[in-house]
C-alpha atoms as a PDB file:
ATOM      1  CA  MET A   1      16.032  -1.233  16.250  1.00  0.00           C
ATOM      2  CA  THR A   2      18.985  -3.246  17.443  1.00  0.00           C
ATOM      3  CA  GLY A   3      22.096  -4.588  15.722  1.00  0.00           C
ATOM      4  CA  THR A   4      23.341  -3.897  12.213  1.00  0.00           C
ATOM      5  CA  LEU A   5      21.269  -4.058   9.063  1.00  0.00           C
ATOM      6  CA  ASP A   6      22.836  -7.428   8.215  1.00  0.00           C
ATOM      7  CA  GLU A   7      21.878  -8.715  11.649  1.00  0.00           C
ATOM      8  CA  ARG A   8      18.300  -7.547  11.213  1.00  0.00           C
ATOM      9  CA  GLU A   9      18.126  -9.236   7.831  1.00  0.00           C
ATOM     10  CA  ARG A  10      19.411 -12.454   9.375  1.00  0.00           C
ATOM     11  CA  ALA A  11      16.759 -12.066  12.046  1.00  0.00           C
ATOM     12  CA  LEU A  12      14.157 -11.804   9.278  1.00  0.00           C
ATOM     13  CA  ASP A  13      15.521 -14.938   7.642  1.00  0.00           C
ATOM     14  CA  ALA A  14      15.238 -16.752  10.946  1.00  0.00           C
ATOM     15  CA  VAL A  15      11.626 -15.639  11.363  1.00  0.00           C
ATOM     16  CA  LEU A  16      10.787 -16.786   7.849  1.00  0.00           C
ATOM     17  CA  ALA A  17      12.555 -20.105   8.235  1.00  0.00           C
ATOM     18  CA  GLY A  18      10.632 -20.668  11.467  1.00  0.00           C
ATOM     19  CA  LEU A  19       7.346 -20.240   9.611  1.00  0.00           C
ATOM     20  CA  ASP A  20       8.180 -23.273   7.450  1.00  0.00           C
ATOM     21  CA  SER A  21       5.683 -22.160   4.780  1.00  0.00           C
ATOM     22  CA  VAL A  22       3.872 -18.885   4.238  1.00  0.00           C
ATOM     23  CA  VAL A  23       1.485 -16.946   2.034  1.00  0.00           C
ATOM     24  CA  VAL A  24       2.544 -13.298   1.786  1.00  0.00           C
ATOM     25  CA  ALA A  25      -0.088 -10.606   1.211  1.00  0.00           C
ATOM     26  CA  PHE A  26       1.634  -8.762  -1.634  1.00  0.00           C
ATOM     27  CA  SER A  27       0.256  -5.355  -2.649  1.00  0.00           C
ATOM     28  CA  GLY A  28       3.203  -4.444  -4.869  1.00  0.00           C
ATOM     29  CA  GLY A  29       4.399  -1.715  -2.485  1.00  0.00           C
ATOM     30  CA  VAL A  30       7.826  -1.261  -0.944  1.00  0.00           C
ATOM     31  CA  ASP A  31       7.434  -3.424   2.153  1.00  0.00           C
ATOM     32  CA  SER A  32       5.384  -6.303   0.803  1.00  0.00           C
ATOM     33  CA  ALA A  33       7.585  -6.552  -2.293  1.00  0.00           C
ATOM     34  CA  TYR A  34      10.695  -7.082  -0.205  1.00  0.00           C
ATOM     35  CA  LEU A  35       8.901  -9.482   2.135  1.00  0.00           C
ATOM     36  CA  ALA A  36       7.574 -11.546  -0.773  1.00  0.00           C
ATOM     37  CA  LEU A  37      10.991 -11.753  -2.393  1.00  0.00           C
ATOM     38  CA  ARG A  38      12.858 -12.607   0.797  1.00  0.00           C
ATOM     39  CA  ALA A  39      10.294 -15.234   1.769  1.00  0.00           C
ATOM     40  CA  HIS A  40      10.812 -16.851  -1.623  1.00  0.00           C
ATOM     41  CA  GLN A  41      14.590 -16.722  -1.239  1.00  0.00           C
ATOM     42  CA  VAL A  42      14.426 -18.351   2.199  1.00  0.00           C
ATOM     43  CA  LEU A  43      11.586 -20.800   1.664  1.00  0.00           C
ATOM     44  CA  GLY A  44      11.518 -21.399  -2.081  1.00  0.00           C
ATOM     45  CA  GLU A  45       8.264 -22.965  -3.257  1.00  0.00           C
ATOM     46  CA  ARG A  46       7.023 -22.953   0.335  1.00  0.00           C
ATOM     47  CA  ALA A  47       6.344 -19.228  -0.050  1.00  0.00           C
ATOM     48  CA  LEU A  48       3.538 -17.824  -2.169  1.00  0.00           C
ATOM     49  CA  ALA A  49       2.794 -14.155  -2.862  1.00  0.00           C
ATOM     50  CA  VAL A  50      -0.879 -13.276  -3.276  1.00  0.00           C
ATOM     51  CA  THR A  51      -2.204  -9.929  -4.493  1.00  0.00           C
ATOM     52  CA  ALA A  52      -5.742  -8.930  -3.567  1.00  0.00           C
ATOM     53  CA  VAL A  53      -7.542  -7.200  -6.417  1.00  0.00           C
ATOM     54  CA  SER A  54     -10.433  -4.832  -5.776  1.00  0.00           C
ATOM     55  CA  ALA A  55     -11.666  -1.388  -6.780  1.00  0.00           C
ATOM     56  CA  SER A  56      -9.328   0.133  -4.178  1.00  0.00           C
ATOM     57  CA  LEU A  57      -6.160  -1.218  -5.848  1.00  0.00           C
ATOM     58  CA  ALA A  58      -4.792   1.022  -8.592  1.00  0.00           C
ATOM     59  CA  GLY A  59      -4.237  -0.711 -11.903  1.00  0.00           C
ATOM     60  CA  ALA A  60      -0.633   0.512 -12.004  1.00  0.00           C
ATOM     61  CA  GLN A  61       0.066  -1.126  -8.655  1.00  0.00           C
ATOM     62  CA  ARG A  62      -1.499  -4.392  -9.787  1.00  0.00           C
ATOM     63  CA  ALA A  63       0.711  -4.335 -12.885  1.00  0.00           C
ATOM     64  CA  GLN A  64       3.771  -3.629 -10.761  1.00  0.00           C
ATOM     65  CA  ALA A  65       3.055  -6.574  -8.478  1.00  0.00           C
ATOM     66  CA  GLU A  66       2.702  -8.841 -11.490  1.00  0.00           C
ATOM     67  CA  GLU A  67       5.931  -7.566 -13.035  1.00  0.00           C
ATOM     68  CA  ILE A  68       7.955  -7.967  -9.829  1.00  0.00           C
ATOM     69  CA  ALA A  69       6.706 -11.506  -9.347  1.00  0.00           C
ATOM     70  CA  ARG A  70       7.559 -12.379 -12.944  1.00  0.00           C
ATOM     71  CA  ARG A  71      10.971 -10.718 -12.942  1.00  0.00           C
ATOM     72  CA  PHE A  72      12.104 -12.272  -9.658  1.00  0.00           C
ATOM     73  CA  ARG A  73      10.309 -15.593 -10.272  1.00  0.00           C
ATOM     74  CA  VAL A  74       8.252 -15.358  -7.123  1.00  0.00           C
ATOM     75  CA  PRO A  75       5.259 -17.744  -7.116  1.00  0.00           C
ATOM     76  CA  HIS A  76       2.254 -15.445  -7.331  1.00  0.00           C
ATOM     77  CA  LEU A  77      -1.527 -15.414  -7.482  1.00  0.00           C
ATOM     78  CA  PHE A  78      -4.248 -12.800  -7.811  1.00  0.00           C
ATOM     79  CA  VAL A  79      -7.450 -13.105  -5.788  1.00  0.00           C
ATOM     80  CA  GLU A  80     -10.472 -10.846  -5.542  1.00  0.00           C
ATOM     81  CA  THR A  81     -11.601  -9.195  -2.325  1.00  0.00           C
ATOM     82  CA  GLY A  82     -14.848  -7.355  -1.671  1.00  0.00           C
ATOM     83  CA  GLU A  83     -14.097  -4.777   0.988  1.00  0.00           C
ATOM     84  CA  VAL A  84     -15.589  -1.951  -1.087  1.00  0.00           C
ATOM     85  CA  ASP A  85     -18.964  -3.711  -0.967  1.00  0.00           C
ATOM     86  CA  ASP A  86     -18.872  -3.995   2.828  1.00  0.00           C
ATOM     87  CA  PRO A  87     -20.951  -1.151   4.373  1.00  0.00           C
ATOM     88  CA  ARG A  88     -18.600  -1.076   7.378  1.00  0.00           C
ATOM     89  CA  TYR A  89     -15.689  -0.301   5.069  1.00  0.00           C
ATOM     90  CA  ALA A  90     -17.633   1.972   2.731  1.00  0.00           C
ATOM     91  CA  ARG A  91     -18.809   4.286   5.527  1.00  0.00           C
ATOM     92  CA  ASN A  92     -15.145   5.292   5.773  1.00  0.00           C
ATOM     93  CA  ASP A  93     -14.661   6.030   9.432  1.00  0.00           C
ATOM     94  CA  ALA A  94     -11.474   5.504  11.425  1.00  0.00           C
ATOM     95  CA  SER A  95     -11.935   1.724  11.282  1.00  0.00           C
ATOM     96  CA  ARG A  96     -11.863   1.505   7.471  1.00  0.00           C
ATOM     97  CA  CYS A  97      -8.429  -0.147   7.369  1.00  0.00           C
ATOM     98  CA  TYR A  98      -9.548  -2.633  10.011  1.00  0.00           C
ATOM     99  CA  TRP A  99     -12.378  -3.826   7.789  1.00  0.00           C
ATOM    100  CA  CYS A 100     -10.083  -3.841   4.764  1.00  0.00           C
ATOM    101  CA  LYS A 101      -7.590  -6.154   6.450  1.00  0.00           C
ATOM    102  CA  THR A 102     -10.399  -8.227   7.946  1.00  0.00           C
ATOM    103  CA  GLU A 103     -11.674  -8.927   4.423  1.00  0.00           C
ATOM    104  CA  LEU A 104      -8.156  -9.558   3.113  1.00  0.00           C
ATOM    105  CA  PHE A 105      -7.423 -12.122   5.775  1.00  0.00           C
ATOM    106  CA  ARG A 106     -10.881 -13.670   5.419  1.00  0.00           C
ATOM    107  CA  VAL A 107      -9.976 -14.481   1.826  1.00  0.00           C
ATOM    108  CA  LEU A 108      -6.302 -15.371   2.250  1.00  0.00           C
ATOM    109  CA  LEU A 109      -6.421 -17.592   5.331  1.00  0.00           C
ATOM    110  CA  PRO A 110      -8.619 -20.286   3.724  1.00  0.00           C
ATOM    111  CA  LEU A 111      -6.489 -20.063   0.574  1.00  0.00           C
ATOM    112  CA  ALA A 112      -3.351 -20.662   2.612  1.00  0.00           C
ATOM    113  CA  ARG A 113      -4.889 -23.643   4.391  1.00  0.00           C
ATOM    114  CA  ALA A 114      -6.234 -25.147   1.189  1.00  0.00           C
ATOM    115  CA  ARG A 115      -2.797 -24.990  -0.430  1.00  0.00           C
ATOM    116  CA  GLY A 116      -0.965 -26.378   2.568  1.00  0.00           C
ATOM    117  CA  PHE A 117       0.741 -23.212   3.812  1.00  0.00           C
ATOM    118  CA  ARG A 118       1.081 -22.945   7.561  1.00  0.00           C
ATOM    119  CA  HIS A 119       1.093 -19.170   7.947  1.00  0.00           C
ATOM    120  CA  LEU A 120      -0.116 -15.904   6.455  1.00  0.00           C
ATOM    121  CA  ALA A 121       2.099 -12.801   6.652  1.00  0.00           C
ATOM    122  CA  TYR A 122       1.881  -9.161   5.629  1.00  0.00           C
ATOM    123  CA  GLY A 123       4.262  -6.236   5.275  1.00  0.00           C
ATOM    124  CA  LEU A 124       3.943  -4.373   8.573  1.00  0.00           C
ATOM    125  CA  ILE A 125       7.251  -2.725   9.526  1.00  0.00           C
ATOM    126  CA  GLN A 126       8.714  -1.407  12.766  1.00  0.00           C
ATOM    127  CA  ASP A 127       7.703   2.186  11.966  1.00  0.00           C
ATOM    128  CA  ASP A 128       4.053   1.165  11.735  1.00  0.00           C
ATOM    129  CA  LEU A 129       3.937   0.082  15.362  1.00  0.00           C
ATOM    130  CA  SER A 130       3.982   3.727  16.469  1.00  0.00           C
ATOM    131  CA  ASP A 131       1.454   4.884  13.840  1.00  0.00           C
ATOM    132  CA  PHE A 132      -2.328   4.641  13.663  1.00  0.00           C
ATOM    133  CA  ARG A 133      -2.758   1.180  12.114  1.00  0.00           C
ATOM    134  CA  PRO A 134      -6.191  -0.361  12.734  1.00  0.00           C
ATOM    135  CA  GLY A 135      -5.291  -3.040  10.198  1.00  0.00           C
ATOM    136  CA  HIS A 136      -2.713  -4.352  12.648  1.00  0.00           C
ATOM    137  CA  ARG A 137      -5.521  -5.145  15.080  1.00  0.00           C
ATOM    138  CA  ALA A 138      -7.215  -7.220  12.394  1.00  0.00           C
ATOM    139  CA  ALA A 139      -3.944  -9.053  11.799  1.00  0.00           C
ATOM    140  CA  ALA A 140      -3.506  -9.785  15.497  1.00  0.00           C
ATOM    141  CA  GLU A 141      -7.062 -11.106  15.740  1.00  0.00           C
ATOM    142  CA  ALA A 142      -6.525 -13.372  12.723  1.00  0.00           C
ATOM    143  CA  GLY A 143      -3.123 -14.643  13.829  1.00  0.00           C
ATOM    144  CA  VAL A 144      -1.361 -13.108  10.824  1.00  0.00           C
ATOM    145  CA  ARG A 145       2.393 -12.674  11.152  1.00  0.00           C
ATOM    146  CA  SER A 146       4.437  -9.547  10.424  1.00  0.00           C
ATOM    147  CA  PRO A 147       8.005 -10.817   9.832  1.00  0.00           C
ATOM    148  CA  LEU A 148       9.528  -7.430   8.946  1.00  0.00           C
ATOM    149  CA  ALA A 149       8.361  -5.835  12.194  1.00  0.00           C
ATOM    150  CA  GLU A 150       9.261  -8.957  14.180  1.00  0.00           C
ATOM    151  CA  ALA A 151      12.823  -8.671  12.875  1.00  0.00           C
ATOM    152  CA  GLY A 152      12.967  -4.970  13.785  1.00  0.00           C
ATOM    153  CA  LEU A 153      13.138  -3.727  10.197  1.00  0.00           C
ATOM    154  CA  ALA A 154      12.179  -0.088   9.582  1.00  0.00           C
ATOM    155  CA  LYS A 155      11.355   1.622   6.301  1.00  0.00           C
ATOM    156  CA  GLN A 156      14.918   2.784   5.719  1.00  0.00           C
ATOM    157  CA  ASP A 157      16.092  -0.810   6.218  1.00  0.00           C
ATOM    158  CA  VAL A 158      13.580  -2.215   3.760  1.00  0.00           C
ATOM    159  CA  ARG A 159      14.555   0.378   1.179  1.00  0.00           C
ATOM    160  CA  ALA A 160      18.264  -0.375   1.584  1.00  0.00           C
ATOM    161  CA  LEU A 161      17.735  -4.126   1.391  1.00  0.00           C
ATOM    162  CA  SER A 162      15.380  -3.733  -1.578  1.00  0.00           C
ATOM    163  CA  ARG A 163      17.982  -1.672  -3.409  1.00  0.00           C
ATOM    164  CA  ALA A 164      20.613  -4.339  -2.802  1.00  0.00           C
ATOM    165  CA  GLN A 165      18.229  -6.907  -4.297  1.00  0.00           C
ATOM    166  CA  GLY A 166      17.539  -4.774  -7.356  1.00  0.00           C
ATOM    167  CA  LEU A 167      13.861  -4.303  -6.530  1.00  0.00           C
ATOM    168  CA  PRO A 168      12.418  -1.342  -8.460  1.00  0.00           C
ATOM    169  CA  THR A 169      10.334  -0.446  -5.399  1.00  0.00           C
ATOM    170  CA  TRP A 170      13.353   0.522  -3.300  1.00  0.00           C
ATOM    171  CA  ASP A 171      12.808   4.279  -3.744  1.00  0.00           C
ATOM    172  CA  GLN A 172       9.110   4.201  -4.569  1.00  0.00           C
ATOM    173  CA  PRO A 173       6.890   6.613  -2.634  1.00  0.00           C
ATOM    174  CA  ALA A 174       4.375   5.140  -0.214  1.00  0.00           C
ATOM    175  CA  SER A 175       1.427   3.714  -2.128  1.00  0.00           C
ATOM    176  CA  PRO A 176      -1.611   3.080   0.085  1.00  0.00           C
ATOM    177  CA  CYS A 177      -4.939   2.061  -1.423  1.00  0.00           C
ATOM    178  CA  LEU A 178      -7.068   4.495  -3.395  1.00  0.00           C
ATOM    179  CA  SER A 179      -9.551   4.807  -0.517  1.00  0.00           C
ATOM    180  CA  SER A 180      -6.921   6.735   1.421  1.00  0.00           C
ATOM    181  CA  ARG A 181      -7.614   9.674  -0.911  1.00  0.00           C
ATOM    182  CA  ILE A 182     -11.181   9.965   0.378  1.00  0.00           C
ATOM    183  CA  PRO A 183     -11.541  11.933   3.645  1.00  0.00           C
ATOM    184  CA  TYR A 184     -12.945  10.089   6.638  1.00  0.00           C
ATOM    185  CA  GLY A 185     -16.714  10.373   6.745  1.00  0.00           C
ATOM    186  CA  THR A 186     -17.127  10.507   2.972  1.00  0.00           C
ATOM    187  CA  VAL A 187     -18.587   7.253   1.688  1.00  0.00           C
ATOM    188  CA  VAL A 188     -16.237   5.126  -0.433  1.00  0.00           C
ATOM    189  CA  THR A 189     -17.811   4.172  -3.754  1.00  0.00           C
ATOM    190  CA  ARG A 190     -16.471   2.455  -6.836  1.00  0.00           C
ATOM    191  CA  ALA A 191     -17.183   5.617  -8.838  1.00  0.00           C
ATOM    192  CA  ALA A 192     -15.142   7.774  -6.456  1.00  0.00           C
ATOM    193  CA  LEU A 193     -12.223   5.329  -6.534  1.00  0.00           C
ATOM    194  CA  ALA A 194     -12.298   5.251 -10.324  1.00  0.00           C
ATOM    195  CA  SER A 195     -12.260   9.057 -10.473  1.00  0.00           C
ATOM    196  CA  VAL A 196      -9.281   9.224  -8.128  1.00  0.00           C
ATOM    197  CA  GLU A 197      -7.385   6.655 -10.161  1.00  0.00           C
ATOM    198  CA  ARG A 198      -8.027   8.459 -13.446  1.00  0.00           C
ATOM    199  CA  ALA A 199      -6.957  11.781 -11.927  1.00  0.00           C
ATOM    200  CA  GLU A 200      -3.772  10.380 -10.417  1.00  0.00           C
ATOM    201  CA  THR A 201      -2.905   8.625 -13.659  1.00  0.00           C
ATOM    202  CA  GLY A 202      -3.189  11.982 -15.424  1.00  0.00           C
ATOM    203  CA  VAL A 203      -1.023  13.791 -12.872  1.00  0.00           C
ATOM    204  CA  ARG A 204       1.566  11.007 -12.914  1.00  0.00           C
ATOM    205  CA  ALA A 205       1.784  11.296 -16.681  1.00  0.00           C
ATOM    206  CA  LEU A 206       3.005  14.862 -16.137  1.00  0.00           C
ATOM    207  CA  GLY A 207       6.075  13.513 -14.348  1.00  0.00           C
ATOM    208  CA  PHE A 208       5.085  13.862 -10.675  1.00  0.00           C
ATOM    209  CA  ARG A 209       6.175  10.982  -8.434  1.00  0.00           C
ATOM    210  CA  GLU A 210       4.766  11.636  -4.970  1.00  0.00           C
ATOM    211  CA  PHE A 211       1.366  13.238  -4.637  1.00  0.00           C
ATOM    212  CA  ARG A 212      -2.273  12.606  -3.778  1.00  0.00           C
ATOM    213  CA  VAL A 213      -5.529  13.607  -5.440  1.00  0.00           C
ATOM    214  CA  ARG A 214      -8.033  14.046  -2.609  1.00  0.00           C
ATOM    215  CA  HIS A 215     -11.628  13.296  -3.540  1.00  0.00           C
ATOM    216  CA  LEU A 216     -13.954  16.045  -2.274  1.00  0.00           C
ATOM    217  CA  GLY A 217     -17.178  15.043  -3.979  1.00  0.00           C
ATOM    218  CA  GLY A 218     -17.437  16.979  -7.215  1.00  0.00           C
ATOM    219  CA  ALA A 219     -14.120  18.693  -6.518  1.00  0.00           C
ATOM    220  CA  ALA A 220     -10.565  17.481  -5.954  1.00  0.00           C
ATOM    221  CA  ARG A 221      -7.517  18.794  -4.134  1.00  0.00           C
ATOM    222  CA  VAL A 222      -4.076  17.951  -5.494  1.00  0.00           C
ATOM    223  CA  GLU A 223      -1.281  17.628  -2.945  1.00  0.00           C
ATOM    224  CA  ILE A 224       2.239  17.550  -4.373  1.00  0.00           C
ATOM    225  CA  ALA A 225       5.264  16.463  -2.334  1.00  0.00           C
ATOM    226  CA  PRO A 226       7.420  19.414  -1.161  1.00  0.00           C
ATOM    227  CA  LEU A 227      10.429  18.269  -3.197  1.00  0.00           C
ATOM    228  CA  GLU A 228       8.373  18.584  -6.384  1.00  0.00           C
ATOM    229  CA  MET A 229       6.534  21.823  -5.600  1.00  0.00           C
ATOM    230  CA  ASP A 230       9.120  23.956  -7.421  1.00  0.00           C
ATOM    231  CA  ARG A 231       7.861  22.533 -10.700  1.00  0.00           C
ATOM    232  CA  LEU A 232       4.592  24.376 -10.079  1.00  0.00           C
ATOM    233  CA  ARG A 233       6.293  27.693 -10.658  1.00  0.00           C
ATOM    234  CA  ASP A 234       5.508  26.981 -14.297  1.00  0.00           C
ATOM    235  CA  PRO A 235       1.948  28.305 -14.859  1.00  0.00           C
ATOM    236  CA  ALA A 236       1.540  26.077 -17.895  1.00  0.00           C
ATOM    237  CA  LEU A 237       2.244  22.975 -15.829  1.00  0.00           C
ATOM    238  CA  VAL A 238      -0.236  24.109 -13.180  1.00  0.00           C
ATOM    239  CA  ASP A 239      -2.848  24.398 -15.917  1.00  0.00           C
ATOM    240  CA  ASP A 240      -1.948  20.907 -17.149  1.00  0.00           C
ATOM    241  CA  VAL A 241      -2.416  19.452 -13.657  1.00  0.00           C
ATOM    242  CA  ILE A 242      -5.830  21.089 -13.279  1.00  0.00           C
ATOM    243  CA  ARG A 243      -6.907  19.898 -16.727  1.00  0.00           C
ATOM    244  CA  ALA A 244      -5.771  16.335 -15.971  1.00  0.00           C
ATOM    245  CA  VAL A 245      -7.855  16.230 -12.809  1.00  0.00           C
ATOM    246  CA  ARG A 246     -10.915  17.775 -14.432  1.00  0.00           C
ATOM    247  CA  ALA A 247     -10.617  15.291 -17.286  1.00  0.00           C
ATOM    248  CA  ALA A 248     -11.106  12.556 -14.697  1.00  0.00           C
ATOM    249  CA  GLY A 249     -14.610  13.889 -14.035  1.00  0.00           C
ATOM    250  CA  TYR A 250     -14.116  16.521 -11.336  1.00  0.00           C
ATOM    251  CA  GLU A 251     -15.980  19.778 -11.815  1.00  0.00           C
ATOM    252  CA  ASP A 252     -13.382  21.723  -9.872  1.00  0.00           C
ATOM    253  CA  ALA A 253      -9.759  21.123  -8.927  1.00  0.00           C
ATOM    254  CA  ARG A 254      -7.108  23.073  -7.083  1.00  0.00           C
ATOM    255  CA  ILE A 255      -3.528  22.537  -6.004  1.00  0.00           C
ATOM    256  CA  ASP A 256      -2.930  22.704  -2.264  1.00  0.00           C
ATOM    257  CA  PRO A 257      -0.213  25.312  -1.563  1.00  0.00           C
ATOM    258  CA  ASP A 258       0.789  23.389   1.571  1.00  0.00           C
ATOM    259  CA  GLY A 259       1.696  20.340  -0.484  1.00  0.00           C
ATOM    260  CA  TYR A 260       1.548  16.687   0.523  1.00  0.00           C
ATOM    261  CA  ARG A 261       2.583  15.120   3.777  1.00  0.00           C
ATOM    262  CA  ARG A 262       2.066  11.525   4.770  1.00  0.00           C
ATOM    263  CA  GLY A 263      -0.691  10.753   7.258  1.00  0.00           C
ATOM    264  CA  ARG A 264      -2.423  14.077   6.795  1.00  0.00           C
ATOM    265  CA  LEU A 265      -5.943  12.643   6.903  1.00  0.00           C
ATOM    266  CA  ASN A 266      -5.193  10.812  10.143  1.00  0.00           C
ATOM    267  CA  GLU A 267      -4.548  14.122  11.859  1.00  0.00           C
ATOM    268  CA  SER A 268      -8.304  14.641  12.110  1.00  0.00           C
ATOM    269  CA  LEU A 269      -8.797  11.477  14.132  1.00  0.00           C
ATOM    270  CA  VAL A 270      -9.173  11.489  17.876  1.00  0.00           C
ATOM    271  CA  ARG A 271      -7.118   8.633  19.232  1.00  0.00           C
ATOM    272  CA  ARG A 272      -8.462   6.818  22.194  1.00  0.00           C
END
């Protein structure tokens, strides 16, 4: 990163202005929410936020995307994508995110052209360039732009700028798709995604903010963020968590004593 935060935001504005018109892939998460809003502020009606709806998008995240677009008056559409029905995605190997983004861009690029928008953009940030991001390869192949990364904006920048804008996502935990709860090598199915969503909805209702319910077939492992682990000293709350997960259809559930850390499933991958 170079320059001050204000300078990086001006760099983003320059990137967006240079696009002339853009469709923003808007998941409702931290990065895409800020990108969608800023694109609208810079380009007005020449920016359109589009949310892809599929079995891998949690209903709560869909609702959040809709609410942000309404509250900030960002032009917004929902479209359906079918990555879950693609065997290459469903087999859930290290290329899953590549096939996800390939399907996303397959749907959004023709939409952008049909509506007269010159570019398609998504919420990749500077931090992602040093992480395992097969979806970025799909974006490069499709000619999709990443204005936040191009302007040198990192996660801490996006959070600070989002807070200044009043976006409710500014301090939201990372919210990848539901398929990220299924270990590599385990087939992604609509039933598994629905079970994960029900389980996480139950755990969230108990007041936890950052966690994952890992789908392990008939069982589930609950990973709670370290900052929230102290709450589990209450045996009654532990029982409530287990009951919430079992109520989602899992025969067995346990809480991981090591807690949650981002990118844990990627640690099993051999990078080449």
